[in-house]
Amino acid sequence: MKKGLLIIISGPSGVGKGTVRKYFMNDDSLRLAYSISMTTRQPREGERDKVDYIFTTREKFEEAIAKGELLEWAEFVGNYYGTPLSQVEKLRNEGKNVLLEIEVQGADQVRAKCPDALSIFIIPPSMEKLEKRIRGRRSEPEEIVQQRLAKAENEMKMVCNYKYIVCNEDPQLAAELISSIIKRHMYVEENV
């Protein structure tokens, strides 16, 4: 059995990465496995532990960093986010294509460790629409909203580091484009 692809989906906070992912995640032909990130932030309304994120303490996260147990990690607005390495390798060795939905900083770390990773950057139709989406969550104080917007401006400058760029004007169309990209790379890998 061939090892599965490692797929990075990245983009600024509020761009709709999770929404787009939900349109193609259950497409059996893509053989996808979603890598659940670990975080020290508090769950948002409706989020579930070990489904949306692995919610953990700062101490346990820092221990995982020290032991080299994370494929990537980043700290943002006072919280850590990261990807457990053992989970990713297990799924890839089972032939599954592992999808990482991660921050730009984490994506840089993954590309450095796994240069063959398929990287896709989702951009908003405009910065104004991105701000509207972030504010529409109504889950964070203004200070955090401003930090997210400032970070988004910087992250948009990183698009040249990605193999593909997909605009999320229409989440279903963005998902169809990403599905096509994944299928193309699966075909190439299987026929090498």
Protein backbone atom coordinates (compact mmCIF):
# COMPACT_ATOMS: atom_id res chain seq x y z
CA MET A 1 0.00 0.00 0.00
CA LYS A 2 1.34 3.42 -0.95
CA LYS A 3 1.76 6.03 1.73
CA GLY A 4 -0.98 8.66 1.67
CA LEU A 5 -0.52 12.29 0.67
CA LEU A 6 0.05 15.03 3.20
CA ILE A 7 -2.26 17.93 2.31
CA ILE A 8 -1.96 21.39 3.86
CA ILE A 9 -4.95 23.71 3.77
CA SER A 10 -4.04 27.12 5.09
CA GLY A 11 -5.19 30.70 4.97
CA PRO A 12 -6.01 33.61 7.24
CA SER A 13 -8.32 33.23 10.22
CA GLY A 14 -11.94 33.63 9.16
CA VAL A 15 -11.37 32.74 5.49
CA GLY A 16 -13.66 29.71 5.81
CA LYS A 17 -11.20 26.82 5.80
CA GLY A 18 -13.49 24.67 7.94
CA THR A 19 -16.58 25.51 5.90
CA VAL A 20 -14.86 24.62 2.62
CA ARG A 21 -13.43 21.40 4.11
CA LYS A 22 -16.90 20.18 5.11
CA TYR A 23 -18.00 20.16 1.44
CA PHE A 24 -15.38 17.60 0.36
CA MET A 25 -14.27 15.84 3.54
CA ASN A 26 -16.73 12.95 3.20
CA ASP A 27 -15.92 12.24 -0.46
CA ASP A 28 -14.76 8.61 -0.18
CA SER A 29 -12.86 8.81 -3.49
CA LEU A 30 -10.39 11.24 -1.85
CA ARG A 31 -9.48 8.76 0.94
CA LEU A 32 -9.14 11.66 3.37
CA ALA A 33 -8.40 11.60 7.05
CA TYR A 34 -8.63 14.88 8.93
CA SER A 35 -5.79 15.53 11.31
CA ILE A 36 -7.27 17.02 14.45
CA SER A 37 -5.12 19.83 15.78
CA MET A 38 -4.25 20.25 19.42
CA THR A 39 -4.84 23.62 21.07
CA THR A 40 -4.71 25.34 24.44
CA ARG A 41 -7.57 27.72 23.62
CA GLN A 42 -11.02 27.30 25.09
CA PRO A 43 -13.65 25.58 22.90
CA ARG A 44 -16.05 27.84 20.99
CA GLU A 45 -19.75 27.15 21.22
CA GLY A 46 -20.53 23.80 19.60
CA GLU A 47 -16.91 22.60 19.40
CA ARG A 48 -16.16 19.16 20.80
CA ASP A 49 -12.96 17.72 22.24
CA LYS A 50 -11.23 15.18 19.95
CA VAL A 51 -13.66 16.06 17.13
CA ASP A 52 -12.95 19.71 16.30
CA TYR A 53 -9.72 20.03 18.29
CA ILE A 54 -7.82 18.19 20.97
CA PHE A 55 -8.21 20.68 23.81
CA THR A 56 -5.32 20.53 26.26
CA THR A 57 -3.46 22.52 28.89
CA ARG A 58 -0.51 24.79 28.21
CA GLU A 59 1.72 22.51 30.31
CA LYS A 60 0.84 19.38 28.31
CA PHE A 61 1.32 21.23 25.03
CA GLU A 62 4.75 22.50 26.04
CA GLU A 63 5.67 18.96 27.07
CA ALA A 64 4.70 17.72 23.57
CA ILE A 65 6.91 20.45 22.03
CA ALA A 66 9.86 19.46 24.24
CA LYS A 67 9.48 15.77 23.31
CA GLY A 68 9.29 16.51 19.56
CA GLU A 69 5.81 15.02 19.33
CA LEU A 70 4.41 17.73 17.03
CA LEU A 71 4.74 17.94 13.25
CA GLU A 72 4.17 21.66 13.56
CA TRP A 73 3.05 24.18 16.14
CA ALA A 74 2.44 27.88 16.56
CA GLU A 75 1.40 30.32 19.25
CA PHE A 76 -1.27 32.87 18.41
CA VAL A 77 -3.17 35.34 20.61
CA GLY A 78 -1.91 33.61 23.73
CA ASN A 79 -2.77 30.04 22.72
CA TYR A 80 -0.83 27.17 21.20
CA TYR A 81 -2.00 25.22 18.13
CA GLY A 82 -0.24 22.14 16.75
CA THR A 83 -0.42 18.81 14.93
CA PRO A 84 0.42 15.53 16.71
CA LEU A 85 3.04 13.76 14.54
CA SER A 86 2.16 10.17 15.52
CA GLN A 87 -1.45 10.58 14.38
CA VAL A 88 -0.39 11.91 10.95
CA GLU A 89 2.16 9.15 10.32
CA LYS A 90 -0.25 6.41 11.40
CA LEU A 91 -2.95 7.61 8.98
CA ARG A 92 -0.53 8.11 6.06
CA ASN A 93 0.93 4.63 6.57
CA GLU A 94 -2.64 3.28 6.31
CA GLY A 95 -2.81 4.83 2.81
CA LYS A 96 -5.02 7.72 3.84
CA ASN A 97 -4.49 11.22 2.51
CA VAL A 98 -4.05 13.33 5.64
CA LEU A 99 -5.54 16.80 5.61
CA LEU A 100 -3.97 19.44 7.84
CA GLU A 101 -5.97 22.64 8.31
CA ILE A 102 -3.27 24.82 9.85
CA GLU A 103 -1.88 28.30 10.34
CA VAL A 104 0.67 29.78 7.92
CA GLN A 105 3.49 29.49 10.49
CA GLY A 106 2.72 25.79 10.98
CA ALA A 107 2.50 25.23 7.22
CA ASP A 108 6.04 26.59 6.84
CA GLN A 109 7.26 24.03 9.40
CA VAL A 110 5.48 21.17 7.63
CA ARG A 111 6.84 22.13 4.21
CA ALA A 112 10.36 22.26 5.69
CA LYS A 113 9.98 18.72 7.13
CA CYS A 114 7.88 17.30 4.27
CA PRO A 115 8.74 19.09 1.00
CA ASP A 116 6.41 16.73 -0.92
CA ALA A 117 3.35 18.01 0.99
CA LEU A 118 0.55 19.35 -1.21
CA SER A 119 -0.05 22.94 -0.09
CA ILE A 120 -3.23 24.93 -0.76
CA PHE A 121 -3.82 28.50 0.43
CA ILE A 122 -7.40 29.73 0.67
CA ILE A 123 -7.82 33.46 0.14
CA PRO A 124 -10.86 35.63 0.85
CA PRO A 125 -12.62 37.47 -1.99
CA SER A 126 -11.51 40.71 -0.26
CA MET A 127 -10.11 41.86 3.06
CA GLU A 128 -13.43 43.61 3.75
CA LYS A 129 -15.31 40.32 3.44
CA LEU A 130 -12.73 38.62 5.65
CA GLU A 131 -13.22 41.23 8.36
CA LYS A 132 -17.00 40.78 8.12
CA ARG A 133 -16.60 36.99 8.59
CA ILE A 134 -14.31 37.40 11.61
CA ARG A 135 -16.64 39.92 13.24
CA GLY A 136 -19.64 37.74 12.38
CA ARG A 137 -18.38 35.02 14.71
CA ARG A 138 -18.99 37.29 17.72
CA SER A 139 -16.83 34.95 19.77
CA GLU A 140 -13.89 37.21 20.60
CA PRO A 141 -13.23 40.66 22.08
CA GLU A 142 -12.24 43.56 19.80
CA GLU A 143 -8.56 43.28 20.76
CA ILE A 144 -8.43 39.69 19.46
CA VAL A 145 -10.37 40.64 16.31
CA GLN A 146 -7.79 43.36 15.59
CA GLN A 147 -4.93 40.87 16.15
CA ARG A 148 -6.56 38.40 13.75
CA LEU A 149 -7.01 41.10 11.09
CA ALA A 150 -3.39 42.27 11.42
CA LYS A 151 -2.17 38.68 11.18
CA ALA A 152 -4.37 38.08 8.12
CA GLU A 153 -2.74 41.03 6.34
CA ASN A 154 0.71 39.48 6.93
CA GLU A 155 -0.44 35.97 6.01
CA MET A 156 -1.79 37.14 2.66
CA LYS A 157 1.80 38.02 1.74
CA MET A 158 2.74 34.33 2.10
CA VAL A 159 0.60 32.98 -0.77
CA CYS A 160 3.67 32.59 -2.98
CA ASN A 161 4.88 29.78 -0.66
CA TYR A 162 1.96 27.54 -1.65
CA LYS A 163 1.55 25.30 -4.67
CA TYR A 164 -2.13 26.28 -5.14
CA ILE A 165 -4.26 29.31 -4.27
CA VAL A 166 -8.06 29.00 -4.09
CA CYS A 167 -10.44 31.94 -3.55
CA ASN A 168 -13.35 31.28 -1.20
CA GLU A 169 -16.00 33.48 -2.81
CA ASP A 170 -18.28 30.42 -2.96
CA PRO A 171 -17.40 27.64 -0.47
CA GLN A 172 -18.87 24.86 -2.62
CA LEU A 173 -16.90 25.96 -5.68
CA ALA A 174 -13.72 26.32 -3.59
CA ALA A 175 -14.29 22.77 -2.30
CA GLU A 176 -14.75 21.43 -5.84
CA LEU A 177 -11.47 23.04 -6.92
CA ILE A 178 -9.62 21.57 -3.93
CA SER A 179 -11.12 18.13 -4.61
CA SER A 180 -9.87 18.32 -8.20
CA ILE A 181 -6.38 19.28 -7.03
CA ILE A 182 -6.26 16.36 -4.58
CA LYS A 183 -7.51 13.88 -7.21
CA ARG A 184 -4.87 15.05 -9.68
CA HIS A 185 -2.10 14.47 -7.12
CA MET A 186 -3.53 11.08 -6.14
CA TYR A 187 -3.49 10.05 -9.80
CA VAL A 188 0.11 11.19 -10.23
CA GLU A 189 1.24 9.35 -7.05
CA GLU A 190 -0.52 6.13 -8.05
CA ASN A 191 0.98 6.18 -11.55
CA VAL A 192 4.59 6.94 -10.66
